[in-house]
């Protein structure tokens, strides 16, 4: 079982306070009204601390986000509670989600962004 002591809502905090809270967390719940997407920098930022994410699905949710593989999808309070319970009791699931989200987060590293940017210019140059 994952260690846990409390559930805390974190709103209106500084980036430093949020980073510290994430390092101390066993999961992050992001109930995004229009669903998780790579346009949500909060979602991308949480991929990096390597904690399991429970979030919502929407029209813009990319196919790379797979329930039970690199995130848990939950569209209501009951599903969120069930997801938290799953992560607390199934360490294998939590580990799988963390490892796969870590792989996904590498596509948002500065090195990868710079490489993709250079490749885009090279493609334009060859046109």
Protein backbone atom coordinates (compact mmCIF):
# COMPACT_ATOMS: atom_id res chain seq x y z
CA UNK A 1 0.00 0.00 0.00
CA UNK A 2 1.22 3.51 -0.79
CA UNK A 3 1.87 5.76 2.23
CA UNK A 4 -0.78 8.41 2.75
CA UNK A 5 -1.96 10.64 5.53
CA UNK A 6 -4.34 13.20 4.08
CA UNK A 7 -6.16 14.65 1.13
CA UNK A 8 -5.37 18.29 0.45
CA UNK A 9 -6.85 20.73 -2.03
CA UNK A 10 -4.12 23.00 -3.37
CA UNK A 11 -5.44 26.20 -4.88
CA UNK A 12 -3.83 29.61 -5.33
CA UNK A 13 -0.34 28.54 -4.24
CA UNK A 14 3.04 29.64 -5.51
CA UNK A 15 4.88 27.37 -7.96
CA UNK A 16 7.37 26.49 -5.21
CA UNK A 17 4.58 25.47 -2.80
CA UNK A 18 2.92 23.37 -5.48
CA UNK A 19 6.21 21.65 -6.40
CA UNK A 20 6.82 20.76 -2.76
CA UNK A 21 3.28 19.41 -2.36
CA UNK A 22 3.62 17.30 -5.51
CA UNK A 23 6.88 15.78 -4.27
CA UNK A 24 5.05 14.71 -1.12
CA UNK A 25 1.97 13.32 -2.90
CA UNK A 26 0.91 9.82 -3.86
CA UNK A 27 -1.46 11.07 -6.59
CA UNK A 28 -2.64 14.22 -8.32
CA UNK A 29 -6.29 14.76 -9.23
CA UNK A 30 -6.90 17.17 -12.11
CA UNK A 31 -10.65 17.43 -12.75
CA UNK A 32 -10.25 19.56 -15.88
CA UNK A 33 -13.64 20.78 -17.17
CA UNK A 34 -12.79 20.11 -20.83
CA UNK A 35 -10.53 17.11 -20.18
CA UNK A 36 -6.79 16.54 -20.12
CA UNK A 37 -4.83 17.69 -23.13
CA UNK A 38 -1.30 18.69 -24.01
CA UNK A 39 -2.51 22.30 -24.13
CA UNK A 40 -2.87 22.14 -20.34
CA UNK A 41 0.51 23.10 -18.93
CA UNK A 42 -0.65 22.03 -15.47
CA UNK A 43 -1.18 18.52 -16.82
CA UNK A 44 2.23 18.50 -18.52
CA UNK A 45 3.91 19.83 -15.37
CA UNK A 46 2.45 17.03 -13.27
CA UNK A 47 3.88 14.40 -15.64
CA UNK A 48 7.35 15.46 -14.55
CA UNK A 49 7.13 14.90 -10.75
CA UNK A 50 6.37 11.27 -11.50
CA UNK A 51 3.18 10.79 -9.52
CA UNK A 52 0.04 9.07 -10.81
CA UNK A 53 -2.54 11.42 -12.34
CA UNK A 54 -6.29 11.04 -12.12
CA UNK A 55 -7.98 13.32 -14.62
CA UNK A 56 -10.94 13.77 -16.93
CA UNK A 57 -11.33 12.96 -20.59
CA UNK A 58 -12.61 15.46 -23.15
CA UNK A 59 -12.85 16.14 -26.88
CA UNK A 60 -9.22 17.35 -26.99
CA UNK A 61 -7.77 14.50 -24.93
CA UNK A 62 -5.01 12.94 -27.05
CA UNK A 63 -4.92 9.25 -27.83
CA UNK A 64 -1.53 8.97 -26.12
CA UNK A 65 -3.35 9.20 -22.78
CA UNK A 66 -4.58 5.71 -21.97
CA UNK A 67 -6.67 4.83 -18.94
CA UNK A 68 -4.76 2.55 -16.57
CA UNK A 69 -1.56 2.90 -18.62
CA UNK A 70 -0.30 6.46 -18.08
CA UNK A 71 -3.32 8.09 -16.36
CA UNK A 72 -6.54 7.14 -14.66
CA UNK A 73 -9.65 8.75 -16.12
CA UNK A 74 -12.43 9.71 -13.77
CA UNK A 75 -15.42 11.78 -14.84
CA UNK A 76 -17.20 12.17 -11.49
CA UNK A 77 -16.53 12.26 -7.76
CA UNK A 78 -17.22 8.54 -7.28
CA UNK A 79 -14.79 7.59 -10.05
CA UNK A 80 -12.16 9.93 -8.57
CA UNK A 81 -12.55 8.30 -5.15
CA UNK A 82 -12.32 4.85 -6.73
CA UNK A 83 -9.19 5.91 -8.63
CA UNK A 84 -7.53 7.16 -5.47
CA UNK A 85 -8.43 3.90 -3.73
CA UNK A 86 -7.00 1.90 -6.66
CA UNK A 87 -3.70 3.78 -6.50
CA UNK A 88 -3.45 3.36 -2.73
CA UNK A 89 -4.12 -0.38 -2.83
CA UNK A 90 -2.58 -1.45 -6.15
CA UNK A 91 1.09 -0.45 -6.10
CA UNK A 92 1.64 -2.23 -9.43
CA UNK A 93 -0.94 0.01 -11.12
CA UNK A 94 0.56 3.12 -9.52
CA UNK A 95 4.05 2.08 -10.65
CA UNK A 96 2.85 1.35 -14.21
CA UNK A 97 1.16 4.74 -14.50
CA UNK A 98 4.23 6.55 -13.10
CA UNK A 99 6.67 4.75 -15.40
CA UNK A 100 4.55 5.31 -18.51
CA UNK A 101 3.86 8.96 -17.68
CA UNK A 102 7.62 9.40 -17.20
CA UNK A 103 8.14 8.14 -20.76
CA UNK A 104 5.41 10.44 -22.03
CA UNK A 105 6.89 13.44 -20.22
CA UNK A 106 10.17 13.05 -22.11
CA UNK A 107 8.44 14.40 -25.22
CA UNK A 108 8.07 17.70 -23.33
CA UNK A 109 11.72 18.05 -22.31
CA UNK A 110 13.57 21.11 -23.55
CA UNK A 111 15.94 18.86 -25.47
CA UNK A 112 13.05 17.21 -27.32
CA UNK A 113 11.29 20.52 -27.95
CA UNK A 114 14.51 22.02 -29.37
CA UNK A 115 15.08 18.95 -31.55
CA UNK A 116 11.51 19.05 -32.88
CA UNK A 117 11.85 22.78 -33.54
CA UNK A 118 15.06 22.31 -35.54
CA UNK A 119 13.49 19.47 -37.53
CA UNK A 120 10.51 21.69 -38.39
CA UNK A 121 12.84 24.39 -39.75
CA UNK A 122 14.81 21.80 -41.71
CA UNK A 123 11.59 20.53 -43.31
CA UNK A 124 10.62 24.10 -44.25
CA UNK A 125 14.08 24.74 -45.67
CA UNK A 126 13.82 21.73 -47.97
CA UNK A 127 10.45 22.87 -49.40
